[in-house]
Amino acid sequence: MKRYKHIEELKEAYESKKPAIRRRLREFKQVPKEKYFYELLYCLMTPQSSAVNAGKAQAMFESLGFINADIDPEQILSERKHYIRFHKTKAKWIMRMKEQFDEIEDIIAGNSTAFEKRIWLAEHVMGFSLKEATHFLRNIGKNDGLAILDRHIIKNLRYHGVIRSVPKTITKKVYLNIEKKFLQFSDAIGISVDELDLVFWSKEAGEILK
């Protein structure tokens, strides 16, 4: 524990938010299967974009029944009230995901481990890396403790002495190495990775987002 920093500060933040954090994690586990498509769509929208805007856009996609409708996603992504950055590229990702969703659904429902599902998603879903694949699995309650390593999380891991520096690029090897250290940190302080993720996110965003 000596090498870790600001642990009391972290534990105080966790205790103050624990009921809301645990409620949010229960909500993830209760997401019905018919919502998986839209949760996947959400995770395709979030990279380098506002999570709040992605949530608003997701709600619009759902209200329009996009999964069964012939709608150009670029029209929704480009709306000013919930603008999604790189909307042209992300529209292509979304259409490709829509075409292959039956296969994706089979993988999610299969008996492989969360780790194996994550690798498959990162390799087969256009626009997904390990981070987005883990984010999606977490948002449907199926990540089994795998870590979402976005820039906010990595910055906080450095602040707490889990890693020495923020890497310039995150390869698969770097991701898995930082994830291993995150899991060790989680075990050492007695707070789950999923809970720590939401503590760190709420610190950055001011609220407990998904």
N, C-alpha and C. Protein backbone atom coordinates (compact mmCIF):
# COMPACT_ATOMS: atom_id res chain seq x y z
N MET A 1 0.83 -1.22 0.00
CA MET A 1 0.00 0.00 0.00
C MET A 1 0.86 1.28 0.00
N LYS A 2 2.13 1.16 0.40
CA LYS A 2 2.96 2.36 0.54
C LYS A 2 3.12 3.13 -0.76
N ARG A 3 3.18 2.42 -1.89
CA ARG A 3 3.42 3.11 -3.15
C ARG A 3 2.18 3.83 -3.67
N TYR A 4 1.00 3.47 -3.16
CA TYR A 4 -0.22 4.14 -3.59
C TYR A 4 -0.37 5.47 -2.86
N LYS A 5 -1.08 6.40 -3.50
CA LYS A 5 -1.21 7.75 -2.96
C LYS A 5 -2.67 8.17 -2.83
N HIS A 6 -2.91 9.08 -1.90
CA HIS A 6 -4.22 9.73 -1.73
C HIS A 6 -5.35 8.70 -1.51
N ILE A 7 -5.05 7.65 -0.76
CA ILE A 7 -6.03 6.59 -0.58
C ILE A 7 -7.19 7.03 0.31
N GLU A 8 -6.90 7.77 1.35
CA GLU A 8 -7.99 8.23 2.23
C GLU A 8 -8.95 9.14 1.48
N GLU A 9 -8.40 9.98 0.65
CA GLU A 9 -9.24 10.86 -0.19
C GLU A 9 -10.14 10.04 -1.09
N LEU A 10 -9.58 8.99 -1.68
CA LEU A 10 -10.35 8.12 -2.57
C LEU A 10 -11.44 7.39 -1.80
N LYS A 11 -11.10 6.86 -0.65
CA LYS A 11 -12.09 6.12 0.14
C LYS A 11 -13.22 7.02 0.62
N GLU A 12 -12.90 8.25 0.95
CA GLU A 12 -13.94 9.20 1.37
C GLU A 12 -14.90 9.48 0.21
N ALA A 13 -14.32 9.68 -0.98
CA ALA A 13 -15.15 9.92 -2.16
C ALA A 13 -16.03 8.71 -2.44
N TYR A 14 -15.46 7.53 -2.31
CA TYR A 14 -16.21 6.29 -2.55
C TYR A 14 -17.37 6.15 -1.57
N GLU A 15 -17.09 6.34 -0.29
CA GLU A 15 -18.14 6.18 0.73
C GLU A 15 -19.28 7.16 0.52
N SER A 16 -18.95 8.38 0.10
CA SER A 16 -20.00 9.39 -0.09
C SER A 16 -20.90 9.07 -1.28
N LYS A 17 -20.35 8.30 -2.22
CA LYS A 17 -21.10 8.01 -3.46
C LYS A 17 -21.51 6.54 -3.58
N LYS A 18 -21.16 5.74 -2.59
CA LYS A 18 -21.37 4.30 -2.70
C LYS A 18 -22.81 3.90 -3.00
N PRO A 19 -23.82 4.45 -2.33
CA PRO A 19 -25.20 4.04 -2.66
C PRO A 19 -25.56 4.29 -4.12
N ALA A 20 -25.18 5.48 -4.65
CA ALA A 20 -25.49 5.81 -6.04
C ALA A 20 -24.69 4.93 -7.00
N ILE A 21 -23.45 4.65 -6.66
CA ILE A 21 -22.60 3.80 -7.50
C ILE A 21 -23.17 2.40 -7.58
N ARG A 22 -23.54 1.84 -6.47
CA ARG A 22 -24.07 0.47 -6.45
C ARG A 22 -25.43 0.39 -7.13
N ARG A 23 -26.20 1.45 -7.02
CA ARG A 23 -27.49 1.49 -7.72
C ARG A 23 -27.26 1.49 -9.24
N ARG A 24 -26.27 2.26 -9.68
CA ARG A 24 -25.97 2.31 -11.11
C ARG A 24 -25.47 0.95 -11.63
N LEU A 25 -24.64 0.28 -10.84
CA LEU A 25 -24.13 -1.04 -11.25
C LEU A 25 -25.26 -2.07 -11.31
N ARG A 26 -26.23 -1.96 -10.41
CA ARG A 26 -27.40 -2.85 -10.48
C ARG A 26 -28.20 -2.58 -11.75
N GLU A 27 -28.30 -1.30 -12.12
CA GLU A 27 -29.02 -0.93 -13.34
C GLU A 27 -28.36 -1.55 -14.57
N PHE A 28 -27.03 -1.57 -14.59
CA PHE A 28 -26.33 -2.19 -15.73
C PHE A 28 -26.71 -3.66 -15.86
N LYS A 29 -26.76 -4.36 -14.74
CA LYS A 29 -27.06 -5.80 -14.76
C LYS A 29 -28.51 -6.08 -15.15
N GLN A 30 -29.36 -5.06 -15.03
CA GLN A 30 -30.78 -5.24 -15.32
C GLN A 30 -31.16 -4.78 -16.74
N VAL A 31 -30.18 -4.37 -17.53
CA VAL A 31 -30.47 -3.94 -18.91
C VAL A 31 -31.02 -5.14 -19.68
N PRO A 32 -32.23 -5.04 -20.25
CA PRO A 32 -32.80 -6.17 -20.99
C PRO A 32 -32.09 -6.41 -22.32
N LYS A 33 -32.16 -7.63 -22.81
CA LYS A 33 -31.45 -8.00 -24.04
C LYS A 33 -31.85 -7.15 -25.24
N GLU A 34 -33.11 -6.72 -25.27
CA GLU A 34 -33.56 -5.91 -26.41
C GLU A 34 -32.91 -4.52 -26.43
N LYS A 35 -32.23 -4.15 -25.34
CA LYS A 35 -31.54 -2.85 -25.29
C LYS A 35 -30.06 -2.98 -25.66
N TYR A 36 -29.56 -4.19 -25.81
CA TYR A 36 -28.13 -4.38 -26.07
C TYR A 36 -27.68 -3.64 -27.33
N PHE A 37 -28.51 -3.67 -28.35
CA PHE A 37 -28.17 -2.99 -29.61
C PHE A 37 -27.90 -1.51 -29.36
N TYR A 38 -28.77 -0.87 -28.57
CA TYR A 38 -28.64 0.56 -28.34
C TYR A 38 -27.50 0.89 -27.38
N GLU A 39 -27.20 -0.03 -26.47
CA GLU A 39 -26.04 0.18 -25.60
C GLU A 39 -24.74 0.07 -26.41
N LEU A 40 -24.73 -0.83 -27.37
CA LEU A 40 -23.58 -0.95 -28.26
C LEU A 40 -23.45 0.30 -29.12
N LEU A 41 -24.56 0.77 -29.62
CA LEU A 41 -24.58 2.00 -30.42
C LEU A 41 -24.04 3.17 -29.59
N TYR A 42 -24.45 3.26 -28.34
CA TYR A 42 -23.97 4.32 -27.43
C TYR A 42 -22.45 4.30 -27.33
N CYS A 43 -21.89 3.10 -27.16
CA CYS A 43 -20.44 2.99 -26.99
C CYS A 43 -19.68 3.29 -28.28
N LEU A 44 -20.34 3.20 -29.42
CA LEU A 44 -19.72 3.62 -30.67
C LEU A 44 -19.71 5.14 -30.80
N MET A 45 -20.63 5.81 -30.11
CA MET A 45 -20.72 7.26 -30.20
C MET A 45 -19.79 7.99 -29.24
N THR A 46 -19.44 7.37 -28.11
CA THR A 46 -18.76 8.10 -27.04
C THR A 46 -17.30 8.48 -27.28
N PRO A 47 -16.50 7.72 -28.05
CA PRO A 47 -15.09 8.12 -28.18
C PRO A 47 -14.93 9.56 -28.66
N GLN A 48 -14.21 10.36 -27.85
CA GLN A 48 -13.92 11.76 -28.17
C GLN A 48 -15.19 12.61 -28.33
N SER A 49 -16.27 12.14 -27.75
CA SER A 49 -17.53 12.89 -27.78
C SER A 49 -18.11 12.97 -26.37
N SER A 50 -19.06 13.86 -26.19
CA SER A 50 -19.72 14.04 -24.89
C SER A 50 -20.58 12.82 -24.56
N ALA A 51 -20.38 12.27 -23.35
CA ALA A 51 -21.21 11.15 -22.91
C ALA A 51 -22.67 11.57 -22.77
N VAL A 52 -22.88 12.81 -22.35
CA VAL A 52 -24.25 13.33 -22.22
C VAL A 52 -24.93 13.39 -23.58
N ASN A 53 -24.22 13.92 -24.58
CA ASN A 53 -24.78 13.98 -25.93
C ASN A 53 -25.03 12.59 -26.50
N ALA A 54 -24.11 11.66 -26.22
CA ALA A 54 -24.28 10.29 -26.70
C ALA A 54 -25.54 9.67 -26.08
N GLY A 55 -25.79 9.97 -24.81
CA GLY A 55 -27.01 9.47 -24.17
C GLY A 55 -28.27 10.04 -24.80
N LYS A 56 -28.23 11.32 -25.15
CA LYS A 56 -29.38 11.95 -25.80
C LYS A 56 -29.60 11.36 -27.19
N ALA A 57 -28.51 11.16 -27.92
CA ALA A 57 -28.62 10.58 -29.25
C ALA A 57 -29.12 9.14 -29.18
N GLN A 58 -28.65 8.41 -28.19
CA GLN A 58 -29.12 7.03 -28.00
C GLN A 58 -30.63 7.01 -27.80
N ALA A 59 -31.12 7.92 -26.98
CA ALA A 59 -32.56 7.99 -26.72
C ALA A 59 -33.33 8.27 -28.02
N MET A 60 -32.77 9.11 -28.88
CA MET A 60 -33.45 9.39 -30.15
C MET A 60 -33.45 8.17 -31.06
N PHE A 61 -32.30 7.48 -31.14
CA PHE A 61 -32.24 6.25 -31.93
C PHE A 61 -33.31 5.26 -31.45
N GLU A 62 -33.44 5.12 -30.14
CA GLU A 62 -34.43 4.18 -29.58
C GLU A 62 -35.84 4.62 -29.92
N SER A 63 -36.13 5.92 -29.77
CA SER A 63 -37.49 6.42 -30.02
C SER A 63 -37.91 6.21 -31.48
N LEU A 64 -36.92 6.22 -32.36
CA LEU A 64 -37.20 6.03 -33.79
C LEU A 64 -37.19 4.56 -34.21
N GLY A 65 -36.88 3.68 -33.25
CA GLY A 65 -36.82 2.25 -33.56
C GLY A 65 -35.77 1.94 -34.60
N PHE A 66 -34.61 2.55 -34.44
CA PHE A 66 -33.56 2.49 -35.47
C PHE A 66 -33.16 1.06 -35.83
N ILE A 67 -33.21 0.15 -34.89
CA ILE A 67 -32.77 -1.22 -35.17
C ILE A 67 -33.55 -1.85 -36.33
N ASN A 68 -34.81 -1.43 -36.50
CA ASN A 68 -35.65 -1.98 -37.56
C ASN A 68 -36.02 -0.96 -38.62
N ALA A 69 -35.47 0.23 -38.53
CA ALA A 69 -35.86 1.31 -39.45
C ALA A 69 -34.76 1.63 -40.45
N ASP A 70 -35.16 2.09 -41.61
CA ASP A 70 -34.22 2.49 -42.65
C ASP A 70 -33.93 3.98 -42.49
N ILE A 71 -33.02 4.28 -41.56
CA ILE A 71 -32.69 5.67 -41.22
C ILE A 71 -31.18 5.85 -41.34
N ASP A 72 -30.78 6.98 -41.92
CA ASP A 72 -29.36 7.31 -42.01
C ASP A 72 -28.90 7.83 -40.64
N PRO A 73 -28.03 7.12 -39.93
CA PRO A 73 -27.62 7.57 -38.59
C PRO A 73 -26.90 8.90 -38.59
N GLU A 74 -26.31 9.28 -39.73
CA GLU A 74 -25.58 10.54 -39.78
C GLU A 74 -26.51 11.73 -39.50
N GLN A 75 -27.76 11.62 -39.91
CA GLN A 75 -28.73 12.70 -39.66
C GLN A 75 -28.92 12.93 -38.16
N ILE A 76 -28.92 11.84 -37.39
CA ILE A 76 -29.11 11.95 -35.95
C ILE A 76 -27.84 12.43 -35.27
N LEU A 77 -26.71 11.86 -35.67
CA LEU A 77 -25.43 12.20 -35.04
C LEU A 77 -25.06 13.66 -35.24
N SER A 78 -25.49 14.24 -36.35
CA SER A 78 -25.09 15.62 -36.68
C SER A 78 -26.03 16.68 -36.12
N GLU A 79 -27.09 16.28 -35.43
CA GLU A 79 -28.02 17.27 -34.87
C GLU A 79 -27.33 18.10 -33.79
N ARG A 80 -27.50 19.41 -33.87
CA ARG A 80 -26.79 20.33 -32.98
C ARG A 80 -27.09 20.08 -31.50
N LYS A 81 -28.33 19.71 -31.17
CA LYS A 81 -28.71 19.58 -29.76
C LYS A 81 -28.01 18.42 -29.05
N HIS A 82 -27.45 17.48 -29.82
CA HIS A 82 -26.67 16.40 -29.20
C HIS A 82 -25.54 15.98 -30.14
N TYR A 83 -24.84 16.95 -30.66
CA TYR A 83 -23.85 16.69 -31.71
C TYR A 83 -22.79 15.67 -31.27
N ILE A 84 -22.54 14.71 -32.14
CA ILE A 84 -21.53 13.68 -31.92
C ILE A 84 -20.35 13.95 -32.86
N ARG A 85 -19.17 14.13 -32.28
CA ARG A 85 -17.99 14.42 -33.10
C ARG A 85 -17.68 13.24 -34.03
N PHE A 86 -17.10 13.58 -35.18
CA PHE A 86 -16.74 12.59 -36.20
C PHE A 86 -17.98 11.80 -36.64
N HIS A 87 -19.07 12.54 -36.83
CA HIS A 87 -20.36 11.89 -37.09
C HIS A 87 -20.37 11.08 -38.38
N LYS A 88 -19.61 11.49 -39.38
CA LYS A 88 -19.60 10.73 -40.64
C LYS A 88 -18.96 9.36 -40.44
N THR A 89 -17.83 9.35 -39.76
CA THR A 89 -17.15 8.09 -39.49
C THR A 89 -17.99 7.19 -38.59
N LYS A 90 -18.55 7.77 -37.55
CA LYS A 90 -19.33 6.98 -36.60
C LYS A 90 -20.63 6.46 -37.22
N ALA A 91 -21.17 7.20 -38.16
CA ALA A 91 -22.36 6.71 -38.89
C ALA A 91 -22.01 5.43 -39.65
N LYS A 92 -20.83 5.37 -40.23
CA LYS A 92 -20.38 4.16 -40.93
C LYS A 92 -20.20 3.00 -39.94
N TRP A 93 -19.61 3.30 -38.78
CA TRP A 93 -19.45 2.26 -37.75
C TRP A 93 -20.81 1.69 -37.35
N ILE A 94 -21.77 2.59 -37.14
CA ILE A 94 -23.09 2.17 -36.68
C ILE A 94 -23.79 1.30 -37.73
N MET A 95 -23.70 1.69 -38.98
CA MET A 95 -24.35 0.89 -40.03
C MET A 95 -23.69 -0.49 -40.16
N ARG A 96 -22.38 -0.54 -40.02
CA ARG A 96 -21.68 -1.83 -40.07
C ARG A 96 -22.09 -2.70 -38.88
N MET A 97 -22.18 -2.10 -37.70
CA MET A 97 -22.60 -2.84 -36.51
C MET A 97 -24.03 -3.36 -36.66
N LYS A 98 -24.89 -2.54 -37.25
CA LYS A 98 -26.28 -2.94 -37.45
C LYS A 98 -26.37 -4.18 -38.34
N GLU A 99 -25.53 -4.20 -39.37
CA GLU A 99 -25.51 -5.34 -40.29
C GLU A 99 -25.07 -6.64 -39.62
N GLN A 100 -24.17 -6.54 -38.67
CA GLN A 100 -23.60 -7.74 -38.05
C GLN A 100 -24.14 -8.01 -36.64
N PHE A 101 -25.21 -7.30 -36.26
CA PHE A 101 -25.65 -7.40 -34.86
C PHE A 101 -26.11 -8.80 -34.47
N ASP A 102 -26.71 -9.55 -35.38
CA ASP A 102 -27.13 -10.92 -35.05
C ASP A 102 -25.93 -11.75 -34.59
N GLU A 103 -24.81 -11.59 -35.28
CA GLU A 103 -23.59 -12.32 -34.90
C GLU A 103 -23.07 -11.83 -33.56
N ILE A 104 -23.09 -10.52 -33.37
CA ILE A 104 -22.64 -9.93 -32.10
C ILE A 104 -23.50 -10.46 -30.95
N GLU A 105 -24.79 -10.50 -31.17
CA GLU A 105 -25.73 -10.99 -30.15
C GLU A 105 -25.42 -12.43 -29.76
N ASP A 106 -25.07 -13.25 -30.75
CA ASP A 106 -24.71 -14.65 -30.48
C ASP A 106 -23.46 -14.74 -29.62
N ILE A 107 -22.49 -13.89 -29.88
CA ILE A 107 -21.25 -13.87 -29.09
C ILE A 107 -21.55 -13.47 -27.64
N ILE A 108 -22.37 -12.45 -27.47
CA ILE A 108 -22.72 -11.98 -26.12
C ILE A 108 -23.42 -13.08 -25.33
N ALA A 109 -24.29 -13.82 -26.00
CA ALA A 109 -25.07 -14.87 -25.33
C ALA A 109 -24.28 -16.16 -25.14
N GLY A 110 -23.12 -16.26 -25.77
CA GLY A 110 -22.34 -17.50 -25.74
C GLY A 110 -21.68 -17.77 -24.39
N ASN A 111 -21.00 -18.90 -24.32
CA ASN A 111 -20.40 -19.36 -23.07
C ASN A 111 -18.95 -18.95 -22.88
N SER A 112 -18.42 -18.17 -23.79
CA SER A 112 -17.03 -17.72 -23.64
C SER A 112 -16.92 -16.74 -22.47
N THR A 113 -15.71 -16.53 -21.99
CA THR A 113 -15.49 -15.63 -20.86
C THR A 113 -15.65 -14.17 -21.29
N ALA A 114 -15.79 -13.29 -20.31
CA ALA A 114 -15.87 -11.86 -20.61
C ALA A 114 -14.60 -11.39 -21.32
N PHE A 115 -13.46 -11.92 -20.92
CA PHE A 115 -12.19 -11.57 -21.55
C PHE A 115 -12.22 -11.95 -23.04
N GLU A 116 -12.71 -13.16 -23.34
CA GLU A 116 -12.78 -13.63 -24.73
C GLU A 116 -13.80 -12.82 -25.54
N LYS A 117 -14.92 -12.49 -24.92
CA LYS A 117 -15.93 -11.68 -25.61
C LYS A 117 -15.36 -10.30 -25.93
N ARG A 118 -14.62 -9.76 -25.00
CA ARG A 118 -14.02 -8.44 -25.23
C ARG A 118 -13.05 -8.47 -26.41
N ILE A 119 -12.21 -9.47 -26.46
CA ILE A 119 -11.25 -9.58 -27.56
C ILE A 119 -12.00 -9.69 -28.89
N TRP A 120 -13.05 -10.51 -28.92
CA TRP A 120 -13.82 -10.68 -30.16
C TRP A 120 -14.43 -9.35 -30.59
N LEU A 121 -15.05 -8.65 -29.66
CA LEU A 121 -15.69 -7.38 -29.98
C LEU A 121 -14.67 -6.36 -30.49
N ALA A 122 -13.51 -6.29 -29.86
CA ALA A 122 -12.48 -5.34 -30.27
C ALA A 122 -11.94 -5.67 -31.66
N GLU A 123 -11.95 -6.93 -32.01
CA GLU A 123 -11.42 -7.35 -33.31
C GLU A 123 -12.45 -7.31 -34.44
N HIS A 124 -13.75 -7.38 -34.09
CA HIS A 124 -14.78 -7.51 -35.13
C HIS A 124 -15.75 -6.34 -35.25
N VAL A 125 -15.85 -5.50 -34.24
CA VAL A 125 -16.77 -4.36 -34.31
C VAL A 125 -15.97 -3.13 -34.73
N MET A 126 -16.29 -2.60 -35.90
CA MET A 126 -15.60 -1.42 -36.42
C MET A 126 -15.77 -0.25 -35.45
N GLY A 127 -14.65 0.37 -35.06
CA GLY A 127 -14.70 1.49 -34.13
C GLY A 127 -14.43 1.10 -32.69
N PHE A 128 -14.32 -0.20 -32.43
CA PHE A 128 -14.09 -0.68 -31.06
C PHE A 128 -12.61 -1.00 -30.82
N SER A 129 -12.14 -0.60 -29.65
CA SER A 129 -10.86 -1.04 -29.11
C SER A 129 -11.21 -1.85 -27.86
N LEU A 130 -10.20 -2.25 -27.11
CA LEU A 130 -10.47 -2.95 -25.84
C LEU A 130 -11.29 -2.06 -24.90
N LYS A 131 -11.02 -0.76 -24.93
CA LYS A 131 -11.74 0.17 -24.05
C LYS A 131 -13.23 0.18 -24.35
N GLU A 132 -13.59 0.40 -25.63
CA GLU A 132 -15.02 0.46 -25.97
C GLU A 132 -15.71 -0.88 -25.77
N ALA A 133 -15.00 -1.97 -26.07
CA ALA A 133 -15.58 -3.30 -25.87
C ALA A 133 -15.88 -3.54 -24.40
N THR A 134 -14.96 -3.13 -23.53
CA THR A 134 -15.18 -3.28 -22.08
C THR A 134 -16.30 -2.38 -21.61
N HIS A 135 -16.34 -1.16 -22.15
CA HIS A 135 -17.40 -0.21 -21.80
C HIS A 135 -18.77 -0.81 -22.11
N PHE A 136 -18.90 -1.38 -23.29
CA PHE A 136 -20.17 -2.00 -23.68
C PHE A 136 -20.52 -3.16 -22.74
N LEU A 137 -19.58 -4.04 -22.49
CA LEU A 137 -19.86 -5.19 -21.60
C LEU A 137 -20.23 -4.71 -20.20
N ARG A 138 -19.57 -3.66 -19.71
CA ARG A 138 -19.93 -3.11 -18.40
C ARG A 138 -21.35 -2.55 -18.40
N ASN A 139 -21.72 -1.88 -19.49
CA ASN A 139 -23.03 -1.23 -19.55
C ASN A 139 -24.19 -2.21 -19.66
N ILE A 140 -23.87 -3.49 -19.93
CA ILE A 140 -24.92 -4.52 -19.89
C ILE A 140 -24.64 -5.52 -18.75
N GLY A 141 -23.74 -5.13 -17.83
CA GLY A 141 -23.47 -5.93 -16.65
C GLY A 141 -22.74 -7.22 -16.90
N LYS A 142 -21.90 -7.27 -17.94
CA LYS A 142 -21.24 -8.53 -18.29
C LYS A 142 -19.72 -8.41 -18.44
N ASN A 143 -19.11 -7.42 -17.80
CA ASN A 143 -17.66 -7.27 -17.96
C ASN A 143 -16.85 -8.07 -16.94
N ASP A 144 -17.51 -8.59 -15.90
CA ASP A 144 -16.84 -9.44 -14.90
C ASP A 144 -15.55 -8.83 -14.37
N GLY A 145 -15.57 -7.54 -14.08
CA GLY A 145 -14.42 -6.90 -13.46
C GLY A 145 -13.33 -6.44 -14.40
N LEU A 146 -13.52 -6.58 -15.71
CA LEU A 146 -12.56 -6.03 -16.66
C LEU A 146 -12.64 -4.50 -16.61
N ALA A 147 -11.52 -3.83 -16.87
CA ALA A 147 -11.45 -2.38 -16.67
C ALA A 147 -11.61 -1.58 -17.95
N ILE A 148 -12.34 -0.46 -17.83
CA ILE A 148 -12.48 0.50 -18.92
C ILE A 148 -11.36 1.52 -18.76
N LEU A 149 -10.35 1.47 -19.59
CA LEU A 149 -9.20 2.35 -19.43
C LEU A 149 -9.27 3.52 -20.41
N ASP A 150 -10.10 4.51 -20.07
CA ASP A 150 -10.10 5.73 -20.88
C ASP A 150 -9.15 6.74 -20.23
N ARG A 151 -9.04 7.91 -20.83
CA ARG A 151 -8.05 8.88 -20.35
C ARG A 151 -8.34 9.37 -18.94
N HIS A 152 -9.63 9.45 -18.57
CA HIS A 152 -9.97 9.88 -17.21
C HIS A 152 -9.51 8.86 -16.19
N ILE A 153 -9.74 7.60 -16.48
CA ILE A 153 -9.35 6.54 -15.56
C ILE A 153 -7.83 6.50 -15.43
N ILE A 154 -7.13 6.55 -16.56
CA ILE A 154 -5.68 6.48 -16.55
C ILE A 154 -5.07 7.65 -15.79
N LYS A 155 -5.64 8.84 -15.97
CA LYS A 155 -5.17 10.01 -15.22
C LYS A 155 -5.32 9.80 -13.72
N ASN A 156 -6.43 9.22 -13.30
CA ASN A 156 -6.65 8.96 -11.89
C ASN A 156 -5.74 7.85 -11.36
N LEU A 157 -5.46 6.85 -12.19
CA LEU A 157 -4.54 5.80 -11.78
C LEU A 157 -3.14 6.37 -11.53
N ARG A 158 -2.74 7.31 -12.34
CA ARG A 158 -1.45 7.97 -12.12
C ARG A 158 -1.50 8.79 -10.83
N TYR A 159 -2.57 9.52 -10.61
CA TYR A 159 -2.72 10.35 -9.41
C TYR A 159 -2.59 9.51 -8.14
N HIS A 160 -3.13 8.30 -8.20
CA HIS A 160 -3.09 7.44 -7.01
C HIS A 160 -1.86 6.51 -6.98
N GLY A 161 -0.92 6.73 -7.88
CA GLY A 161 0.33 5.98 -7.84
C GLY A 161 0.25 4.57 -8.37
N VAL A 162 -0.81 4.26 -9.10
CA VAL A 162 -0.95 2.91 -9.65
C VAL A 162 -0.03 2.73 -10.85
N ILE A 163 0.12 3.78 -11.64
CA ILE A 163 1.06 3.79 -12.76
C ILE A 163 1.93 5.04 -12.61
N ARG A 164 3.12 4.99 -13.19
CA ARG A 164 4.06 6.09 -13.03
C ARG A 164 3.79 7.24 -13.99
N SER A 165 3.30 6.92 -15.17
CA SER A 165 3.07 7.97 -16.16
C SER A 165 1.92 7.57 -17.08
N VAL A 166 1.40 8.54 -17.77
CA VAL A 166 0.33 8.30 -18.74
C VAL A 166 0.96 7.93 -20.08
N PRO A 167 0.67 6.75 -20.60
CA PRO A 167 1.28 6.34 -21.87
C PRO A 167 0.80 7.20 -23.03
N LYS A 168 1.71 7.43 -24.00
CA LYS A 168 1.35 8.22 -25.17
C LYS A 168 0.39 7.47 -26.08
N THR A 169 0.59 6.18 -26.21
CA THR A 169 -0.31 5.34 -27.00
C THR A 169 -0.65 4.10 -26.19
N ILE A 170 -1.84 3.56 -26.42
CA ILE A 170 -2.27 2.38 -25.66
C ILE A 170 -2.46 1.21 -26.62
N THR A 171 -1.44 0.38 -26.71
CA THR A 171 -1.53 -0.85 -27.48
C THR A 171 -2.25 -1.90 -26.63
N LYS A 172 -2.54 -3.04 -27.23
CA LYS A 172 -3.16 -4.13 -26.48
C LYS A 172 -2.30 -4.52 -25.29
N LYS A 173 -1.00 -4.64 -25.50
CA LYS A 173 -0.07 -5.02 -24.42
C LYS A 173 -0.08 -4.00 -23.29
N VAL A 174 -0.04 -2.71 -23.64
CA VAL A 174 -0.06 -1.65 -22.64
C VAL A 174 -1.38 -1.67 -21.87
N TYR A 175 -2.49 -1.84 -22.60
CA TYR A 175 -3.82 -1.88 -21.98
C TYR A 175 -3.89 -2.99 -20.93
N LEU A 176 -3.48 -4.18 -21.32
CA LEU A 176 -3.59 -5.33 -20.41
C LEU A 176 -2.65 -5.18 -19.22
N ASN A 177 -1.50 -4.54 -19.42
CA ASN A 177 -0.56 -4.32 -18.32
C ASN A 177 -1.13 -3.33 -17.30
N ILE A 178 -1.72 -2.24 -17.79
CA ILE A 178 -2.33 -1.26 -16.88
C ILE A 178 -3.55 -1.87 -16.19
N GLU A 179 -4.33 -2.64 -16.92
CA GLU A 179 -5.50 -3.30 -16.33
C GLU A 179 -5.07 -4.21 -15.17
N LYS A 180 -3.98 -4.95 -15.36
CA LYS A 180 -3.46 -5.82 -14.30
C LYS A 180 -3.11 -5.01 -13.05
N LYS A 181 -2.48 -3.87 -13.23
CA LYS A 181 -2.12 -3.01 -12.09
C LYS A 181 -3.37 -2.42 -11.43
N PHE A 182 -4.36 -2.09 -12.24
CA PHE A 182 -5.63 -1.57 -11.73
C PHE A 182 -6.31 -2.63 -10.85
N LEU A 183 -6.32 -3.88 -11.32
CA LEU A 183 -6.93 -4.96 -10.56
C LEU A 183 -6.20 -5.19 -9.24
N GLN A 184 -4.88 -5.09 -9.26
CA GLN A 184 -4.09 -5.24 -8.03
C GLN A 184 -4.39 -4.11 -7.05
N PHE A 185 -4.52 -2.91 -7.58
CA PHE A 185 -4.88 -1.74 -6.76
C PHE A 185 -6.25 -1.93 -6.13
N SER A 186 -7.19 -2.38 -6.94
CA SER A 186 -8.55 -2.63 -6.47
C SER A 186 -8.55 -3.63 -5.31
N ASP A 187 -7.82 -4.72 -5.47
CA ASP A 187 -7.72 -5.73 -4.41
C ASP A 187 -7.09 -5.14 -3.15
N ALA A 188 -6.06 -4.33 -3.33
CA ALA A 188 -5.32 -3.79 -2.19
C ALA A 188 -6.16 -2.84 -1.34
N ILE A 189 -7.03 -2.05 -1.99
CA ILE A 189 -7.80 -1.06 -1.22
C ILE A 189 -9.23 -1.54 -0.92
N GLY A 190 -9.60 -2.69 -1.46
CA GLY A 190 -10.90 -3.27 -1.13
C GLY A 190 -12.10 -2.60 -1.79
N ILE A 191 -11.89 -2.01 -2.96
CA ILE A 191 -12.99 -1.42 -3.73
C ILE A 191 -12.94 -2.02 -5.13
N SER A 192 -14.05 -2.52 -5.63
CA SER A 192 -14.05 -3.21 -6.91
C SER A 192 -13.68 -2.26 -8.05
N VAL A 193 -13.16 -2.84 -9.12
CA VAL A 193 -12.79 -2.06 -10.31
C VAL A 193 -14.00 -1.30 -10.85
N ASP A 194 -15.15 -1.95 -10.91
CA ASP A 194 -16.35 -1.29 -11.43
C ASP A 194 -16.74 -0.08 -10.58
N GLU A 195 -16.61 -0.22 -9.27
CA GLU A 195 -16.94 0.89 -8.38
C GLU A 195 -15.92 2.01 -8.52
N LEU A 196 -14.64 1.64 -8.60
CA LEU A 196 -13.60 2.66 -8.78
C LEU A 196 -13.80 3.42 -10.08
N ASP A 197 -14.18 2.71 -11.13
CA ASP A 197 -14.43 3.34 -12.41
C ASP A 197 -15.45 4.46 -12.26
N LEU A 198 -16.53 4.20 -11.55
CA LEU A 198 -17.59 5.21 -11.39
C LEU A 198 -17.18 6.32 -10.43
N VAL A 199 -16.34 6.00 -9.44
CA VAL A 199 -15.80 7.06 -8.57
C VAL A 199 -14.96 8.02 -9.41
N PHE A 200 -14.06 7.46 -10.22
CA PHE A 200 -13.19 8.29 -11.04
C PHE A 200 -13.99 9.10 -12.05
N TRP A 201 -14.99 8.46 -12.67
CA TRP A 201 -15.79 9.16 -13.68
C TRP A 201 -16.60 10.29 -13.05
N SER A 202 -17.16 10.03 -11.88
CA SER A 202 -17.96 11.08 -11.23
C SER A 202 -17.08 12.25 -10.81
N LYS A 203 -15.83 11.95 -10.48
CA LYS A 203 -14.87 13.01 -10.14
C LYS A 203 -14.63 13.92 -11.33
N GLU A 204 -14.56 13.33 -12.52
CA GLU A 204 -14.30 14.10 -13.74
C GLU A 204 -15.56 14.78 -14.27
N ALA A 205 -16.68 14.05 -14.23
CA ALA A 205 -17.91 14.54 -14.87
C ALA A 205 -18.84 15.26 -13.92
N GLY A 206 -18.64 15.06 -12.61
CA GLY A 206 -19.52 15.69 -11.64
C GLY A 206 -20.80 14.92 -11.38
N GLU A 207 -20.96 13.79 -12.08
CA GLU A 207 -22.12 12.93 -11.87
C GLU A 207 -21.75 11.51 -12.27
N ILE A 208 -22.59 10.55 -11.90
CA ILE A 208 -22.30 9.15 -12.18
C ILE A 208 -22.93 8.78 -13.51
N LEU A 209 -22.15 8.89 -14.56
CA LEU A 209 -22.61 8.57 -15.90
C LEU A 209 -22.34 7.12 -16.21
N LYS A 210 -22.83 6.65 -17.38
CA LYS A 210 -22.59 5.25 -17.72
C LYS A 210 -21.40 5.09 -18.67
